[in-house]
Amino acid sequence: MPSMSSSMSFFLFLCFITLLFVPSFHASDTDQDQDSGNTHAILPRSDIDLLEFPLNLEYFEAEFFLWGALGYGLDVADPALAFGGPSPVGPKRARLSPLIRDIIAQFAYQEIGHLRAIKSAVRGFPRPLLNLTKESFATVMNSAFGRPLIPPFDPYANEINYLLASYVIPYVGLTGYVGANAKLLTPRAKRLVAGLLGVESGQDAVIRTLLYERSLTKVKPYGVTVAEFTDKISLLRNKLGGEGLKDEGLIVGKAWGAEGMIRGNVLAGNKFSISYGRTPEEILRIVYGGGNERRPGGFYPKGADGRIARSHLI
């Protein structure tokens, strides 16, 4: 009969072998910050991918809001957050009133916080190349109207134009968080996305409210109301996303308003007034501008980054 000491030695040997192999078994399914020597909390590979993907939109929003309000971007505000990625092309300081400039500056710093929050949970990736030129936004507006606007739309020219440009992308990120939340597996990832979604929803509500206040104002020199602009942009996003109605302008048919009772639509939602969700593939189709997640373009001339986005590149 084996002695107690030999049995204990054998038990400790088994424990050592188990601990030796467990980390290597999970290494490919977790995110580890090898450069800093810190290991992020263990997350499944699918959660890591779903948390990293929104960085593409957060980089866009941070740069667009920083430049619009302050006249500089992450390269000045916090260069380390860009992870060495290329500077955006074409952003400018917009012509804004003191109130709107203050609101957009708040958004900008909130987006910096979002970048930090996501990168505290996953490794992340460098800022992708962003095309924030006025020509890029003009192309979106031309697509929305099905004809060239003359003169070309310039998001930085005035306050209404900038607010309309702000309507173009941030809401897409919001729907992405809604879509991702149901697919996340861990409480930590779900808490993070819920927190990000709360602030992104708030930003979208502010943008839509500011535009709703001006909904019947005609955008110069096009002779088209702000409400019509938002409707055209939403229709374009629905078309590019390719998955039906997930976007609505500021004024809708009464049947499409909350409870079928009202035309005002300051917050977009389904028939139960619940936010729409989008997949990463739908988002890529929209931000690339061509309705194809495999063909970069639009605001991301070299494509978005992260495992999900890269998996679709031809």
Protein backbone atom coordinates (compact mmCIF):
# COMPACT_ATOMS: atom_id res chain seq x y z
CA MET A 1 0.00 0.00 0.00
CA PRO A 2 1.53 3.37 -1.00
CA SER A 3 2.52 5.72 1.81
CA MET A 4 0.62 8.97 2.40
CA SER A 5 3.70 11.00 1.42
CA SER A 6 4.07 9.23 -1.93
CA SER A 7 0.34 9.71 -2.65
CA MET A 8 0.65 13.40 -1.85
CA SER A 9 3.70 13.73 -4.11
CA PHE A 10 1.81 12.10 -6.97
CA PHE A 11 -1.17 14.45 -6.38
CA LEU A 12 1.08 17.54 -6.46
CA PHE A 13 2.73 16.24 -9.63
CA LEU A 14 -0.70 15.97 -11.30
CA CYS A 15 -1.59 19.51 -10.20
CA PHE A 16 1.67 20.83 -11.66
CA ILE A 17 1.03 19.11 -15.00
CA THR A 18 -2.52 20.48 -15.12
CA LEU A 19 -1.41 24.06 -14.45
CA LEU A 20 1.35 23.72 -17.01
CA PHE A 21 -1.05 22.91 -19.82
CA VAL A 22 -4.12 25.00 -18.98
CA PRO A 23 -2.67 28.43 -19.95
CA SER A 24 -1.33 27.18 -23.28
CA PHE A 25 -4.66 25.53 -24.03
CA HIS A 26 -6.51 28.84 -23.60
CA ALA A 27 -3.88 31.13 -25.11
CA SER A 28 -5.52 31.36 -28.53
CA ASP A 29 -8.96 32.10 -27.02
CA THR A 30 -7.97 34.95 -24.73
CA ASP A 31 -6.47 38.38 -25.15
CA GLN A 32 -3.04 38.92 -23.63
CA ASP A 33 -1.18 42.21 -23.57
CA GLN A 34 2.32 40.83 -24.14
CA ASP A 35 3.89 44.24 -24.69
CA SER A 36 2.93 45.59 -21.25
CA GLY A 37 3.26 42.27 -19.50
CA ASN A 38 -0.36 42.47 -18.29
CA THR A 39 -2.96 39.88 -19.08
CA HIS A 40 -6.49 41.13 -19.74
CA ALA A 41 -9.33 39.34 -18.04
CA ILE A 42 -10.02 36.09 -19.85
CA LEU A 43 -12.58 36.56 -22.61
CA PRO A 44 -13.74 34.14 -25.31
CA ARG A 45 -12.40 34.80 -28.78
CA SER A 46 -15.88 35.74 -30.00
CA ASP A 47 -16.22 38.41 -27.28
CA ILE A 48 -12.79 39.81 -28.12
CA ASP A 49 -13.74 40.12 -31.78
CA LEU A 50 -17.07 41.79 -31.00
CA LEU A 51 -15.40 44.25 -28.62
CA GLU A 52 -12.59 45.11 -31.02
CA PHE A 53 -14.77 45.71 -34.06
CA PRO A 54 -16.42 48.90 -32.69
CA LEU A 55 -12.99 50.52 -32.40
CA ASN A 56 -13.34 51.26 -36.11
CA LEU A 57 -16.37 53.47 -35.41
CA GLU A 58 -14.96 54.90 -32.19
CA TYR A 59 -11.81 56.05 -34.01
CA PHE A 60 -14.01 57.68 -36.66
CA GLU A 61 -16.16 59.49 -34.11
CA ALA A 62 -13.21 60.60 -31.98
CA GLU A 63 -11.42 62.12 -34.97
CA PHE A 64 -14.53 63.68 -36.53
CA PHE A 65 -15.70 65.27 -33.27
CA LEU A 66 -12.22 66.37 -32.15
CA TRP A 67 -11.47 68.03 -35.45
CA GLY A 68 -14.93 69.54 -35.82
CA ALA A 69 -14.89 71.13 -32.38
CA LEU A 70 -11.22 71.76 -31.65
CA GLY A 71 -9.37 71.69 -34.96
CA TYR A 72 -7.10 68.77 -34.07
CA GLY A 73 -7.40 65.02 -33.59
CA LEU A 74 -5.94 62.15 -31.60
CA ASP A 75 -2.42 62.95 -32.82
CA VAL A 76 -2.58 65.99 -30.53
CA ALA A 77 -5.20 64.96 -27.96
CA ASP A 78 -3.65 61.56 -27.15
CA PRO A 79 -1.22 60.16 -29.74
CA ALA A 80 -0.76 56.87 -27.87
CA LEU A 81 -4.42 55.94 -28.43
CA ALA A 82 -3.86 55.84 -32.19
CA PHE A 83 -1.39 52.93 -31.74
CA GLY A 84 0.71 54.37 -34.59
CA GLY A 85 -2.09 54.26 -37.14
CA PRO A 86 -2.13 56.76 -40.03
CA SER A 87 -3.54 60.24 -39.50
CA PRO A 88 -7.00 60.83 -40.97
CA VAL A 89 -7.25 62.56 -44.31
CA GLY A 90 -9.09 65.86 -44.72
CA PRO A 91 -10.78 66.71 -41.39
CA LYS A 92 -11.23 70.39 -40.50
CA ARG A 93 -12.46 72.60 -37.72
CA ALA A 94 -16.12 73.25 -38.44
CA ARG A 95 -17.89 76.59 -38.31
CA LEU A 96 -20.06 76.09 -35.21
CA SER A 97 -21.82 78.26 -32.64
CA PRO A 98 -20.36 78.25 -29.11
CA LEU A 99 -23.15 75.95 -27.87
CA ILE A 100 -22.77 73.34 -30.62
CA ARG A 101 -18.98 73.49 -30.42
CA ASP A 102 -19.19 72.78 -26.69
CA ILE A 103 -21.54 69.82 -27.24
CA ILE A 104 -19.32 68.33 -29.97
CA ALA A 105 -16.23 68.81 -27.80
CA GLN A 106 -17.97 66.85 -25.05
CA PHE A 107 -18.70 64.09 -27.56
CA ALA A 108 -15.05 64.12 -28.64
CA TYR A 109 -13.72 63.56 -25.13
CA GLN A 110 -16.36 60.89 -24.53
CA GLU A 111 -15.07 59.04 -27.59
CA ILE A 112 -11.54 59.19 -26.21
CA GLY A 113 -12.92 57.56 -23.08
CA HIS A 114 -14.58 54.87 -25.18
CA LEU A 115 -11.29 54.06 -26.89
CA ARG A 116 -9.61 53.72 -23.50
CA ALA A 117 -12.43 51.56 -22.14
CA ILE A 118 -12.36 49.10 -25.03
CA LYS A 119 -8.56 48.89 -24.99
CA SER A 120 -8.64 48.17 -21.27
CA ALA A 121 -10.59 45.01 -22.09
CA VAL A 122 -8.94 43.86 -25.34
CA ARG A 123 -5.71 44.53 -27.17
CA GLY A 124 -7.27 46.55 -29.99
CA PHE A 125 -5.54 47.68 -33.17
CA PRO A 126 -4.04 50.85 -34.66
CA ARG A 127 -6.30 53.59 -35.98
CA PRO A 128 -7.31 52.65 -39.54
CA LEU A 129 -6.91 55.14 -42.37
CA LEU A 130 -9.97 57.41 -42.29
CA ASN A 131 -11.17 59.55 -45.18
CA LEU A 132 -12.83 62.54 -43.52
CA THR A 133 -12.54 64.88 -46.48
CA LYS A 134 -15.49 67.01 -47.48
CA GLU A 135 -15.51 65.03 -50.74
CA SER A 136 -16.11 61.81 -48.82
CA PHE A 137 -19.20 63.26 -47.13
CA ALA A 138 -20.33 64.80 -50.41
CA THR A 139 -20.25 61.34 -52.00
CA VAL A 140 -22.54 60.02 -49.26
CA MET A 141 -25.01 62.85 -49.75
CA ASN A 142 -24.96 62.41 -53.53
CA SER A 143 -25.72 58.72 -53.07
CA ALA A 144 -28.53 59.55 -50.64
CA PHE A 145 -30.19 61.92 -53.12
CA GLY A 146 -29.40 59.88 -56.21
CA ARG A 147 -27.85 62.92 -57.88
CA PRO A 148 -24.92 65.30 -57.35
CA LEU A 149 -25.68 68.14 -54.98
CA ILE A 150 -24.52 71.49 -56.35
CA PRO A 151 -22.39 72.87 -54.82
CA PRO A 152 -20.98 69.69 -53.27
CA PHE A 153 -21.98 69.14 -49.65
CA ASP A 154 -19.35 70.38 -47.19
CA PRO A 155 -19.74 69.06 -43.61
CA TYR A 156 -17.42 71.70 -42.18
CA ALA A 157 -19.00 74.72 -43.84
CA ASN A 158 -21.68 75.50 -41.25
CA GLU A 159 -23.56 74.21 -38.24
CA ILE A 160 -26.45 72.50 -39.99
CA ASN A 161 -24.13 70.73 -42.40
CA TYR A 162 -21.97 69.50 -39.53
CA LEU A 163 -24.97 68.19 -37.60
CA LEU A 164 -26.21 66.40 -40.72
CA ALA A 165 -22.75 64.88 -41.19
CA SER A 166 -22.84 63.82 -37.51
CA TYR A 167 -26.10 62.02 -38.31
CA VAL A 168 -24.34 59.90 -40.93
CA ILE A 169 -22.12 57.56 -38.88
CA PRO A 170 -22.58 57.64 -35.05
CA TYR A 171 -26.04 56.05 -35.20
CA VAL A 172 -24.53 53.17 -37.17
CA GLY A 173 -22.20 52.48 -34.25
CA LEU A 174 -25.15 52.54 -31.85
CA THR A 175 -26.97 49.85 -33.84
CA GLY A 176 -23.77 47.83 -33.87
CA TYR A 177 -23.64 47.79 -30.06
CA VAL A 178 -27.28 46.73 -29.92
CA GLY A 179 -26.55 43.90 -32.36
CA ALA A 180 -23.40 42.79 -30.54
CA ASN A 181 -24.90 42.71 -27.06
CA ALA A 182 -27.03 39.61 -27.69
CA LYS A 183 -24.00 37.71 -29.00
CA LEU A 184 -21.64 38.41 -26.10
CA LEU A 185 -20.96 35.52 -23.74
CA THR A 186 -19.40 37.06 -20.65
CA PRO A 187 -20.83 39.49 -18.08
CA ARG A 188 -17.72 41.69 -18.34
CA ALA A 189 -18.13 42.18 -22.08
CA LYS A 190 -21.87 42.78 -21.72
CA ARG A 191 -21.33 45.40 -19.01
CA LEU A 192 -18.82 47.23 -21.17
CA VAL A 193 -21.05 47.25 -24.24
CA ALA A 194 -24.08 48.31 -22.18
CA GLY A 195 -22.09 51.25 -20.82
CA LEU A 196 -20.82 52.26 -24.26
CA LEU A 197 -24.31 51.91 -25.73
CA GLY A 198 -25.77 54.19 -23.06
CA VAL A 199 -23.51 57.10 -23.98
CA GLU A 200 -23.66 56.47 -27.74
CA SER A 201 -27.47 56.49 -27.49
CA GLY A 202 -27.30 59.76 -25.62
CA GLN A 203 -25.11 61.32 -28.29
CA ASP A 204 -27.46 60.16 -31.01
CA ALA A 205 -30.44 61.57 -29.11
CA VAL A 206 -28.75 64.95 -28.78
CA ILE A 207 -27.83 65.05 -32.49
CA ARG A 208 -31.34 64.05 -33.52
CA THR A 209 -32.92 66.57 -31.14
CA LEU A 210 -30.78 69.41 -32.46
CA LEU A 211 -31.72 68.43 -36.00
CA TYR A 212 -35.39 67.95 -35.08
CA GLU A 213 -35.47 71.50 -33.77
CA ARG A 214 -34.38 72.54 -37.26
CA SER A 215 -36.36 69.85 -39.12
CA LEU A 216 -38.31 72.27 -41.32
CA THR A 217 -35.32 74.53 -41.98
CA LYS A 218 -34.15 74.40 -45.57
CA VAL A 219 -30.50 73.50 -46.00
CA LYS A 220 -28.84 76.19 -48.10
CA PRO A 221 -28.41 76.31 -51.02
CA TYR A 222 -30.21 73.02 -51.77
CA GLY A 223 -33.76 74.04 -50.88
CA VAL A 224 -34.28 70.72 -49.06
CA THR A 225 -35.36 70.55 -45.42
CA VAL A 226 -33.27 69.05 -42.65
CA ALA A 227 -35.96 66.38 -42.17
CA GLU A 228 -35.73 65.40 -45.84
CA PHE A 229 -31.94 65.12 -45.54
CA THR A 230 -32.25 62.74 -42.58
CA ASP A 231 -34.85 60.67 -44.42
CA LYS A 232 -32.59 60.33 -47.47
CA ILE A 233 -29.60 59.36 -45.32
CA SER A 234 -31.61 56.76 -43.41
CA LEU A 235 -33.00 55.27 -46.62
CA LEU A 236 -29.45 55.00 -47.98
CA ARG A 237 -28.23 53.22 -44.86
CA ASN A 238 -31.14 50.77 -45.05
CA LYS A 239 -30.31 50.11 -48.69
CA LEU A 240 -26.58 49.64 -48.09
CA GLY A 241 -27.08 47.50 -44.99
CA GLY A 242 -29.27 45.16 -47.01
CA GLU A 243 -31.29 43.79 -44.09
CA GLY A 244 -34.52 45.78 -44.23
CA LEU A 245 -35.72 48.69 -42.12
CA LYS A 246 -33.24 49.57 -39.38
CA ASP A 247 -33.08 53.31 -39.86
CA GLU A 248 -35.59 56.15 -39.78
CA GLY A 249 -35.47 59.88 -40.36
CA LEU A 250 -36.78 62.62 -38.08
CA ILE A 251 -40.31 62.73 -39.49
CA VAL A 252 -42.08 59.55 -40.56
CA GLY A 253 -45.52 58.46 -41.65
CA LYS A 254 -47.84 58.29 -38.65
CA ALA A 255 -48.08 54.51 -38.94
CA TRP A 256 -44.30 54.31 -38.39
CA GLY A 257 -44.22 56.66 -35.40
CA ALA A 258 -44.34 55.53 -31.76
CA GLU A 259 -47.48 53.42 -31.25
CA GLY A 260 -48.67 54.53 -34.69
CA MET A 261 -49.78 57.77 -33.10
CA ILE A 262 -47.27 60.45 -34.09
CA ARG A 263 -45.07 61.56 -37.00
CA GLY A 264 -42.28 63.09 -34.95
CA ASN A 265 -39.41 60.61 -34.66
CA VAL A 266 -36.74 62.18 -32.51
CA LEU A 267 -35.64 58.68 -31.45
CA ALA A 268 -35.52 55.83 -33.96
CA GLY A 269 -37.00 52.49 -32.93
CA ASN A 270 -39.08 49.55 -34.11
CA LYS A 271 -42.84 49.14 -33.58
CA PHE A 272 -42.19 48.60 -29.87
CA SER A 273 -39.84 51.64 -29.73
CA ILE A 274 -36.85 49.32 -29.23
CA SER A 275 -33.53 50.20 -30.84
CA TYR A 276 -32.57 48.46 -34.06
CA GLY A 277 -29.48 46.24 -34.14
CA ARG A 278 -26.97 45.65 -36.93
CA THR A 279 -24.27 43.05 -37.55
CA PRO A 280 -20.64 43.97 -38.28
CA GLU A 281 -21.25 42.96 -41.91
CA GLU A 282 -24.14 45.41 -42.25
CA ILE A 283 -22.01 48.16 -40.72
CA LEU A 284 -19.15 47.52 -43.13
CA ARG A 285 -21.53 47.68 -46.09
CA ILE A 286 -22.66 51.11 -44.89
CA VAL A 287 -19.35 52.72 -43.93
CA TYR A 288 -17.61 51.41 -47.09
CA GLY A 289 -20.37 53.13 -49.04
CA GLY A 290 -20.92 50.39 -51.59
CA GLY A 291 -23.13 47.84 -49.87
CA ASN A 292 -20.37 45.19 -49.89
CA GLU A 293 -18.45 44.23 -46.76
CA ARG A 294 -15.65 42.81 -48.91
CA ARG A 295 -14.85 46.02 -50.80
CA PRO A 296 -13.32 48.86 -48.76
CA GLY A 297 -14.04 52.44 -49.70
CA GLY A 298 -15.94 55.44 -48.44
CA PHE A 299 -14.68 56.51 -45.05
CA TYR A 300 -12.33 53.48 -44.86
CA PRO A 301 -10.32 53.48 -48.11
CA LYS A 302 -8.06 50.65 -46.93
CA GLY A 303 -10.73 48.84 -44.97
CA ALA A 304 -11.63 48.53 -41.32
CA ASP A 305 -9.47 46.54 -38.91
CA GLY A 306 -9.96 43.72 -36.42
CA ARG A 307 -10.48 40.03 -37.08
CA ILE A 308 -14.11 40.39 -38.20
CA ALA A 309 -13.42 43.15 -40.73
CA ARG A 310 -10.25 41.53 -42.05
CA SER A 311 -12.02 38.21 -42.53
CA HIS A 312 -14.19 39.81 -45.23
CA LEU A 313 -11.43 41.49 -47.23
CA ILE A 314 -10.94 40.05 -50.69
